[in-house]
Amino acid sequence: MLGHSHLRRKRSQVDDGSTGAIKLNIIFDLSGIAFDVGGYDVEKSELYIDALTYSMDKYAEENDMWVLHVAFTNKNHVIKRSTPKLRRSYFIFVPKRRPWDILAILVRFIKEIRVMQINTFPKPWIELPCLLVAKLFRIRVVDFMHNVYEFEGLGVLGWILEIYHRYFYLPLVNSILVYTHFQKKRICNFVRRPVFVFPAGIDPNVFKPNPKLKAEKSDDKLTLLYVGLVTPMKKIEDIIDAICDKRLADKVRLWIVGPILHQEYVKELVKRLEEYKVEYRFFGPIPNNELPKIYSKADLFVNMRPDEAFGKVFIESMACGTPVVGRIGSPGPEEVIIHGWNGFKVKDSSELRDLLMRLISNNKRMLEEISTNCVNFVKANYTFNQSYYALKSAYDAT
């Protein structure tokens, strides 16, 4: 168990957990911890700190606490990790095939936990047991809804999930965090719980403009960039529908960055691109600290997903001085894009095609003019500091 205040803190070397046993090589001399059940990436936990982990770590430090992040990994053994970039945080990754390990960790440290944040929805078999244990021991629970959940198209399963979500799960939590005001409005319509908007900021020391990279371009082609999972739900085909036009095909190139989840989907995309002889490149996944180079080299970031809950990639791109394009009605783009000032909103591939033709005929001067607006917008609204104060408000209220 974690020690109480009379115990001295002792940190031993991180164990890779190859035996599969859940053991923390750390003893705390602090009064409590925040327990975070979430979707962290074991490979990125030491390389890159996002707004949420930064904010939780800072809150823990200011309140003499620790944060214990518990998440799933595709590995077949438990992995335990700390990182020097976070002063008060510790990570445990458990195999996806053994979700009960999360409950074992929760029960083990139950007396030390002051607040629990749950980031896994809608997976009732994971989040509900954690929530019920927390309620049993009178632990305050913050739920972070990372997506916009639509149940209508799921038939009977969707009906069951919606009832569970609206009338059973959310009424039991103490407060709710979301990314956008769109999400907040929807939730406030059916749950009487305090809802806080968390602006998922970026580290301005990592994501920043690099004019030299833009100046290195050897041609006048308009470079379009997509960053994210390569999967049908992202609607990458809508980007390709726009550029597979005889008037555009030789004037644009498309870069796609991110892990490929559906090989057959990629084959269909490539077939269309090659049919119209559009220049393209699949980069695969790129480490977060290398992403600013890609953003800076691109002329325009495009994401046509119709239900993007937030899309931190929009903020990352703007921070690097690269304007963005999102879909009208999609919560994330509606939240962060001021049309014609820091980016553009289009309703479909046809409008995207028209936009690209205007930009090319304008010799891309419009993009150069709004690049500064992008950087200023992020500095004013989406840095780590803005993220921290939003989380602090939610935790203090909880």
Protein backbone atom coordinates (compact mmCIF):
# COMPACT_ATOMS: atom_id res chain seq x y z
CA MET A 1 0.00 0.00 0.00
CA LEU A 2 0.99 3.60 -0.35
CA GLY A 3 2.37 4.95 2.84
CA HIS A 4 0.89 7.76 4.98
CA SER A 5 2.60 11.03 5.81
CA HIS A 6 4.84 9.53 8.48
CA LEU A 7 6.52 7.31 5.87
CA ARG A 8 9.47 8.53 3.90
CA ARG A 9 9.15 8.52 0.11
CA LYS A 10 11.43 6.07 -1.63
CA ARG A 11 11.69 5.61 -5.39
CA SER A 12 13.38 2.51 -6.72
CA GLN A 13 14.13 1.67 -10.32
CA VAL A 14 11.21 1.12 -12.64
CA ASP A 15 10.34 -2.54 -13.13
CA ASP A 16 9.15 -3.60 -16.56
CA GLY A 17 6.59 -5.88 -14.96
CA SER A 18 7.58 -8.92 -16.98
CA THR A 19 6.35 -11.29 -14.29
CA GLY A 20 2.82 -9.95 -14.67
CA ALA A 21 2.55 -9.10 -10.96
CA ILE A 22 1.16 -5.69 -10.05
CA LYS A 23 3.66 -4.13 -7.69
CA LEU A 24 4.51 -0.46 -7.35
CA ASN A 25 8.14 0.21 -6.55
CA ILE A 26 7.28 3.45 -4.85
CA ILE A 27 6.24 4.52 -1.34
CA PHE A 28 4.58 7.87 -0.77
CA ASP A 29 4.98 10.23 2.14
CA LEU A 30 1.99 12.28 0.95
CA SER A 31 -1.57 12.33 2.14
CA GLY A 32 -3.20 10.93 -0.97
CA ILE A 33 -3.30 10.34 -4.70
CA ALA A 34 -5.48 11.02 -7.71
CA PHE A 35 -6.35 7.82 -9.54
CA ASP A 36 -6.66 8.20 -13.31
CA VAL A 37 -8.07 5.43 -15.49
CA GLY A 38 -7.34 6.37 -19.06
CA GLY A 39 -6.11 5.64 -22.55
CA TYR A 40 -2.44 6.52 -22.45
CA ASP A 41 0.12 5.16 -24.88
CA VAL A 42 2.93 3.23 -23.22
CA GLU A 43 5.42 4.21 -25.92
CA LYS A 44 4.60 7.92 -25.60
CA SER A 45 4.43 8.18 -21.81
CA GLU A 46 8.12 9.11 -21.55
CA LEU A 47 8.51 10.97 -24.84
CA TYR A 48 5.69 13.46 -24.86
CA ILE A 49 3.55 15.11 -22.22
CA ASP A 50 0.06 16.16 -23.25
CA ALA A 51 -2.15 18.84 -21.69
CA LEU A 52 -4.06 16.43 -19.47
CA THR A 53 -1.06 14.71 -17.90
CA TYR A 54 0.68 18.07 -17.48
CA SER A 55 -2.36 19.60 -15.79
CA MET A 56 -2.93 16.66 -13.45
CA ASP A 57 0.73 16.60 -12.48
CA LYS A 58 0.76 20.33 -11.72
CA TYR A 59 -2.44 20.05 -9.71
CA ALA A 60 -0.97 17.16 -7.71
CA GLU A 61 2.19 19.11 -6.97
CA GLU A 62 0.28 22.17 -5.80
CA ASN A 63 -1.94 20.05 -3.54
CA ASP A 64 0.71 17.72 -2.13
CA MET A 65 -0.60 14.65 -3.93
CA TRP A 66 0.47 12.08 -6.48
CA VAL A 67 -1.21 11.00 -9.70
CA LEU A 68 -1.41 7.33 -10.55
CA HIS A 69 -2.28 6.79 -14.23
CA VAL A 70 -3.61 3.33 -15.05
CA ALA A 71 -4.13 2.45 -18.70
CA PHE A 72 -4.18 -0.44 -21.15
CA THR A 73 -1.37 -1.67 -23.37
CA ASN A 74 -1.17 -4.24 -26.16
CA LYS A 75 1.79 -5.83 -24.39
CA ASN A 76 1.23 -9.13 -22.61
CA HIS A 77 2.68 -7.99 -19.31
CA VAL A 78 2.32 -5.16 -16.82
CA ILE A 79 4.57 -2.13 -17.41
CA LYS A 80 5.34 0.43 -14.72
CA ARG A 81 6.89 3.74 -15.54
CA SER A 82 7.72 7.22 -14.35
CA THR A 83 9.17 10.09 -16.36
CA PRO A 84 11.40 12.98 -15.31
CA LYS A 85 9.13 15.35 -17.25
CA LEU A 86 6.39 14.79 -14.66
CA ARG A 87 7.25 15.41 -11.01
CA ARG A 88 4.22 13.81 -9.31
CA SER A 89 2.98 11.16 -11.77
CA TYR A 90 3.40 7.43 -12.12
CA PHE A 91 2.12 5.11 -14.88
CA ILE A 92 0.96 1.50 -14.78
CA PHE A 93 0.04 -0.16 -18.08
CA VAL A 94 -1.95 -3.40 -17.87
CA PRO A 95 -2.69 -5.84 -20.73
CA LYS A 96 -6.00 -5.21 -22.50
CA ARG A 97 -6.86 -8.85 -22.01
CA ARG A 98 -6.72 -8.44 -18.23
CA PRO A 99 -9.03 -5.51 -17.37
CA TRP A 100 -9.55 -6.86 -13.86
CA ASP A 101 -5.97 -5.76 -13.08
CA ILE A 102 -7.24 -2.17 -12.97
CA LEU A 103 -9.67 -3.11 -10.19
CA ALA A 104 -6.87 -4.89 -8.32
CA ILE A 105 -4.78 -1.70 -8.42
CA LEU A 106 -7.76 0.41 -7.40
CA VAL A 107 -8.54 -1.78 -4.39
CA ARG A 108 -4.90 -1.87 -3.38
CA PHE A 109 -4.63 1.91 -3.10
CA ILE A 110 -8.23 2.67 -2.15
CA LYS A 111 -7.41 4.28 1.21
CA GLU A 112 -5.03 6.77 -0.39
CA ILE A 113 -7.21 7.92 -3.29
CA ARG A 114 -8.71 11.41 -3.03
CA VAL A 115 -10.21 11.74 -6.49
CA MET A 116 -10.65 9.39 -9.43
CA GLN A 117 -10.78 10.45 -13.09
CA ILE A 118 -12.25 7.99 -15.59
CA ASN A 119 -11.42 8.40 -19.29
CA THR A 120 -12.84 5.15 -20.67
CA PHE A 121 -16.30 5.41 -22.17
CA PRO A 122 -18.39 3.69 -23.35
CA LYS A 123 -16.86 0.52 -21.87
CA PRO A 124 -19.18 -0.37 -18.98
CA TRP A 125 -17.21 -3.49 -18.07
CA ILE A 126 -14.22 -1.28 -17.19
CA GLU A 127 -15.55 2.03 -15.98
CA LEU A 128 -18.62 0.89 -14.07
CA PRO A 129 -16.82 -1.39 -11.57
CA CYS A 130 -14.30 1.39 -10.91
CA LEU A 131 -17.10 3.89 -10.39
CA LEU A 132 -19.03 1.62 -8.02
CA VAL A 133 -15.95 0.90 -5.92
CA ALA A 134 -15.26 4.63 -5.73
CA LYS A 135 -18.82 5.37 -4.62
CA LEU A 136 -18.63 2.62 -2.01
CA PHE A 137 -15.58 4.30 -0.46
CA ARG A 138 -16.95 7.82 -0.97
CA ILE A 139 -14.28 8.81 -3.47
CA ARG A 140 -15.09 11.75 -5.74
CA VAL A 141 -15.20 10.87 -9.43
CA VAL A 142 -14.51 13.09 -12.45
CA ASP A 143 -15.52 11.66 -15.80
CA PHE A 144 -13.69 12.90 -18.90
CA MET A 145 -15.75 12.38 -22.06
CA HIS A 146 -13.24 12.33 -24.90
CA ASN A 147 -15.67 11.72 -27.75
CA VAL A 148 -19.10 12.64 -29.07
CA TYR A 149 -21.19 9.53 -28.62
CA GLU A 150 -24.00 8.83 -31.06
CA PHE A 151 -26.08 5.76 -30.22
CA GLU A 152 -28.89 6.04 -32.76
CA GLY A 153 -27.23 3.86 -35.39
CA LEU A 154 -26.41 0.98 -33.05
CA GLY A 155 -29.90 -0.49 -32.76
CA VAL A 156 -30.77 -2.25 -29.51
CA LEU A 157 -27.18 -2.00 -28.27
CA GLY A 158 -27.25 1.75 -28.78
CA TRP A 159 -30.52 2.03 -26.86
CA ILE A 160 -29.02 0.08 -23.93
CA LEU A 161 -25.82 2.14 -23.95
CA GLU A 162 -27.73 5.41 -24.04
CA ILE A 163 -29.88 4.43 -21.05
CA TYR A 164 -26.78 3.30 -19.17
CA HIS A 165 -24.92 6.49 -20.05
CA ARG A 166 -27.64 9.04 -19.36
CA TYR A 167 -29.59 7.57 -16.48
CA PHE A 168 -27.16 5.38 -14.58
CA TYR A 169 -23.48 6.13 -15.18
CA LEU A 170 -23.24 9.94 -15.48
CA PRO A 171 -25.66 10.68 -12.59
CA LEU A 172 -23.24 8.80 -10.29
CA VAL A 173 -20.17 10.88 -11.12
CA ASN A 174 -19.45 14.15 -9.31
CA SER A 175 -18.36 16.30 -12.26
CA ILE A 176 -17.67 15.99 -15.96
CA LEU A 177 -14.89 17.25 -18.21
CA VAL A 178 -15.37 17.71 -21.98
CA TYR A 179 -13.42 19.26 -24.83
CA THR A 180 -16.04 21.57 -26.34
CA HIS A 181 -19.06 23.68 -25.48
CA PHE A 182 -21.02 21.51 -27.91
CA GLN A 183 -20.43 18.49 -25.68
CA LYS A 184 -21.23 20.53 -22.57
CA LYS A 185 -24.58 21.69 -23.96
CA ARG A 186 -25.60 18.15 -24.88
CA ILE A 187 -24.72 16.74 -21.47
CA CYS A 188 -26.36 19.56 -19.53
CA ASN A 189 -29.62 18.72 -21.31
CA PHE A 190 -29.99 15.45 -19.42
CA VAL A 191 -27.55 15.36 -16.46
CA ARG A 192 -27.51 17.77 -13.54
CA ARG A 193 -23.80 17.64 -12.84
CA PRO A 194 -21.20 20.40 -13.16
CA VAL A 195 -19.63 20.21 -16.63
CA PHE A 196 -16.28 21.87 -17.39
CA VAL A 197 -14.72 22.52 -20.80
CA PHE A 198 -11.08 21.44 -20.96
CA PRO A 199 -9.13 23.26 -23.72
CA ALA A 200 -6.61 20.60 -24.75
CA GLY A 201 -3.62 22.86 -25.14
CA ILE A 202 -0.15 22.28 -26.57
CA ASP A 203 3.36 22.93 -25.38
CA PRO A 204 4.43 26.12 -27.23
CA ASN A 205 8.06 25.07 -26.79
CA VAL A 206 7.36 22.01 -28.95
CA PHE A 207 4.70 23.19 -31.39
CA LYS A 208 5.87 26.47 -32.90
CA PRO A 209 6.41 28.00 -36.37
CA ASN A 210 9.50 27.10 -38.35
CA PRO A 211 9.68 29.52 -41.31
CA LYS A 212 12.88 27.93 -42.61
CA LEU A 213 11.11 24.64 -43.32
CA LYS A 214 8.39 26.39 -45.33
CA ALA A 215 11.05 28.26 -47.29
CA GLU A 216 12.73 24.98 -48.26
CA LYS A 217 9.88 23.99 -50.61
CA SER A 218 11.14 23.45 -54.16
CA ASP A 219 7.86 23.90 -56.04
CA ASP A 220 4.53 25.73 -55.95
CA LYS A 221 2.32 22.74 -55.22
CA LEU A 222 -0.17 23.14 -52.40
CA THR A 223 0.82 20.62 -49.70
CA LEU A 224 -2.17 19.22 -47.83
CA LEU A 225 -1.64 17.38 -44.57
CA TYR A 226 -3.78 14.91 -42.65
CA VAL A 227 -2.67 13.69 -39.21
CA GLY A 228 -4.55 11.00 -37.32
CA LEU A 229 -5.70 7.41 -37.50
CA VAL A 230 -6.06 6.10 -41.03
CA THR A 231 -9.53 4.61 -40.78
CA PRO A 232 -12.88 5.09 -42.59
CA MET A 233 -14.45 7.05 -39.72
CA LYS A 234 -11.94 9.88 -40.42
CA LYS A 235 -13.41 10.42 -43.92
CA ILE A 236 -10.05 10.77 -45.65
CA GLU A 237 -11.81 9.83 -48.87
CA ASP A 238 -13.56 13.22 -48.77
CA ILE A 239 -10.17 14.92 -49.04
CA ILE A 240 -9.26 12.68 -51.95
CA ASP A 241 -12.60 13.31 -53.67
CA ALA A 242 -11.77 17.02 -53.58
CA ILE A 243 -8.27 16.78 -55.04
CA CYS A 244 -8.97 14.06 -57.62
CA ASP A 245 -10.01 16.66 -60.15
CA LYS A 246 -8.24 17.42 -63.43
CA ARG A 247 -7.99 21.07 -62.41
CA LEU A 248 -6.20 20.23 -59.13
CA ALA A 249 -4.46 16.89 -59.53
CA ASP A 250 -1.10 18.32 -60.63
CA LYS A 251 -1.26 21.35 -58.34
CA VAL A 252 -1.55 19.62 -54.93
CA ARG A 253 0.11 16.86 -52.94
CA LEU A 254 -1.31 14.93 -50.00
CA TRP A 255 0.65 13.81 -46.94
CA ILE A 256 -1.02 11.34 -44.59
CA VAL A 257 0.50 10.85 -41.14
CA GLY A 258 -0.71 8.27 -38.63
CA PRO A 259 -1.11 4.56 -37.95
CA ILE A 260 -2.98 2.56 -40.60
CA LEU A 261 -5.84 0.59 -39.07
CA HIS A 262 -7.54 -0.63 -42.26
CA GLN A 263 -5.33 -1.85 -45.11
CA GLU A 264 -8.23 -2.33 -47.53
CA TYR A 265 -9.31 1.26 -46.90
CA VAL A 266 -5.81 2.47 -47.77
CA LYS A 267 -5.83 0.44 -51.00
CA GLU A 268 -9.01 2.21 -52.10
CA LEU A 269 -7.51 5.62 -51.31
CA VAL A 270 -4.30 4.85 -53.19
CA LYS A 271 -6.20 3.52 -56.20
CA ARG A 272 -8.05 6.82 -56.55
CA LEU A 273 -4.94 8.95 -56.05
CA GLU A 274 -2.98 7.03 -58.64
CA GLU A 275 -5.87 7.11 -61.11
CA TYR A 276 -5.66 10.92 -61.12
CA LYS A 277 -1.86 10.94 -60.70
CA VAL A 278 -1.98 12.98 -57.50
CA GLU A 279 1.30 13.10 -55.60
CA TYR A 280 0.91 11.47 -52.19
CA ARG A 281 2.84 9.95 -49.30
CA PHE A 282 1.91 7.81 -46.29
CA PHE A 283 4.31 8.56 -43.43
CA GLY A 284 2.88 6.13 -40.90
CA PRO A 285 3.03 7.10 -37.21
CA ILE A 286 5.48 9.89 -36.32
CA PRO A 287 6.67 10.71 -32.75
CA ASN A 288 4.91 13.75 -31.34
CA ASN A 289 8.11 15.71 -30.97
CA GLU A 290 8.72 15.27 -34.73
CA LEU A 291 5.24 16.38 -35.78
CA PRO A 292 6.02 20.14 -35.76
CA LYS A 293 8.38 19.62 -38.71
CA ILE A 294 5.58 18.04 -40.77
CA TYR A 295 3.09 20.74 -39.79
CA SER A 296 5.57 23.48 -40.70
CA LYS A 297 6.31 22.01 -44.12
CA ALA A 298 2.62 21.77 -45.05
CA ASP A 299 0.54 24.60 -46.48
CA LEU A 300 -2.82 23.45 -45.15
CA PHE A 301 -4.03 20.90 -42.60
CA VAL A 302 -7.29 19.12 -43.48
CA ASN A 303 -9.56 16.89 -41.38
CA MET A 304 -13.03 16.12 -42.76
CA ARG A 305 -14.38 13.90 -39.98
CA PRO A 306 -17.99 15.01 -39.32
CA ASP A 307 -18.03 14.22 -35.58
CA GLU A 308 -14.56 15.18 -34.34
CA ALA A 309 -15.00 15.74 -30.59
CA PHE A 310 -12.05 18.11 -30.49
CA GLY A 311 -9.09 17.18 -32.65
CA LYS A 312 -5.93 18.38 -30.95
CA VAL A 313 -4.26 18.14 -34.36
CA PHE A 314 -6.06 21.36 -35.36
CA ILE A 315 -4.39 23.18 -32.47
CA GLU A 316 -0.99 21.61 -33.15
CA SER A 317 -1.13 22.69 -36.79
CA MET A 318 -2.19 26.26 -35.99
CA ALA A 319 0.55 26.53 -33.36
CA CYS A 320 3.05 25.80 -36.14
CA GLY A 321 1.53 28.55 -38.28
CA THR A 322 -0.31 26.22 -40.67
CA PRO A 323 -3.99 27.06 -41.32
CA VAL A 324 -6.58 24.32 -40.96
CA VAL A 325 -9.72 23.06 -42.67
CA GLY A 326 -12.52 21.27 -40.80
CA ARG A 327 -16.07 20.22 -41.47
CA ILE A 328 -19.09 22.39 -40.73
CA GLY A 329 -21.07 20.86 -37.87
CA SER A 330 -18.15 18.86 -36.48
CA PRO A 331 -17.78 19.89 -32.78
CA GLY A 332 -13.99 20.30 -32.75
CA PRO A 333 -13.65 22.47 -35.87
CA GLU A 334 -16.70 24.53 -34.87
CA GLU A 335 -14.97 25.25 -31.55
CA VAL A 336 -11.55 26.28 -32.82
CA ILE A 337 -11.89 27.54 -36.41
CA ILE A 338 -12.82 31.15 -37.14
CA HIS A 339 -13.63 30.89 -40.84
CA GLY A 340 -11.30 32.95 -42.99
CA TRP A 341 -9.23 34.11 -40.00
CA ASN A 342 -7.35 31.06 -38.67
CA GLY A 343 -8.73 28.43 -41.05
CA PHE A 344 -11.73 27.35 -43.05
CA LYS A 345 -14.90 25.33 -42.55
CA VAL A 346 -16.48 23.44 -45.46
CA LYS A 347 -19.58 21.27 -45.62
CA ASP A 348 -18.33 18.62 -48.08
CA SER A 349 -15.67 17.62 -50.59
CA SER A 350 -17.19 19.92 -53.22
CA GLU A 351 -16.70 22.99 -51.02
CA LEU A 352 -13.21 21.79 -50.15
CA ARG A 353 -12.40 21.54 -53.87
CA ASP A 354 -13.65 25.09 -54.45
CA LEU A 355 -11.59 26.36 -51.52
CA LEU A 356 -8.40 24.73 -52.81
CA MET A 357 -8.91 26.20 -56.27
CA ARG A 358 -9.33 29.68 -54.75
CA LEU A 359 -6.17 29.29 -52.69
CA ILE A 360 -4.16 28.17 -55.69
CA SER A 361 -5.47 30.96 -57.94
CA ASN A 362 -4.63 33.42 -55.16
CA ASN A 363 -1.05 32.07 -55.17
CA LYS A 364 -1.58 31.00 -51.52
CA ARG A 365 -1.27 34.61 -50.28
CA MET A 366 -4.41 34.11 -48.19
CA LEU A 367 -2.71 31.31 -46.25
CA GLU A 368 0.34 33.44 -45.55
CA GLU A 369 -1.86 36.23 -44.20
CA ILE A 370 -3.73 34.05 -41.72
CA SER A 371 -0.70 32.06 -40.53
CA THR A 372 0.04 34.70 -37.86
CA ASN A 373 -3.58 34.59 -36.69
CA CYS A 374 -3.25 30.84 -36.15
CA VAL A 375 -0.25 31.23 -33.84
CA ASN A 376 -1.82 34.08 -31.88
CA PHE A 377 -5.08 32.17 -31.47
CA VAL A 378 -3.34 29.18 -29.92
CA LYS A 379 -1.20 31.32 -27.59
CA ALA A 380 -4.31 33.10 -26.34
CA ASN A 381 -6.54 30.05 -25.87
CA TYR A 382 -4.78 26.68 -26.05
CA THR A 383 -1.55 26.47 -24.11
CA PHE A 384 -0.81 24.18 -21.18
CA ASN A 385 -1.63 27.00 -18.76
CA GLN A 386 -5.18 27.38 -20.10
CA SER A 387 -5.59 23.61 -19.82
CA TYR A 388 -4.37 23.57 -16.25
CA TYR A 389 -6.71 26.27 -14.99
CA ALA A 390 -9.70 24.50 -16.57
CA LEU A 391 -8.79 21.23 -14.85
CA LYS A 392 -8.13 23.04 -11.57
CA SER A 393 -11.62 24.53 -11.69
CA ALA A 394 -13.17 21.11 -12.21
CA TYR A 395 -11.12 19.43 -9.47
CA ASP A 396 -11.65 22.24 -6.95
CA ALA A 397 -15.40 22.11 -7.56
CA THR A 398 -15.38 18.33 -7.21
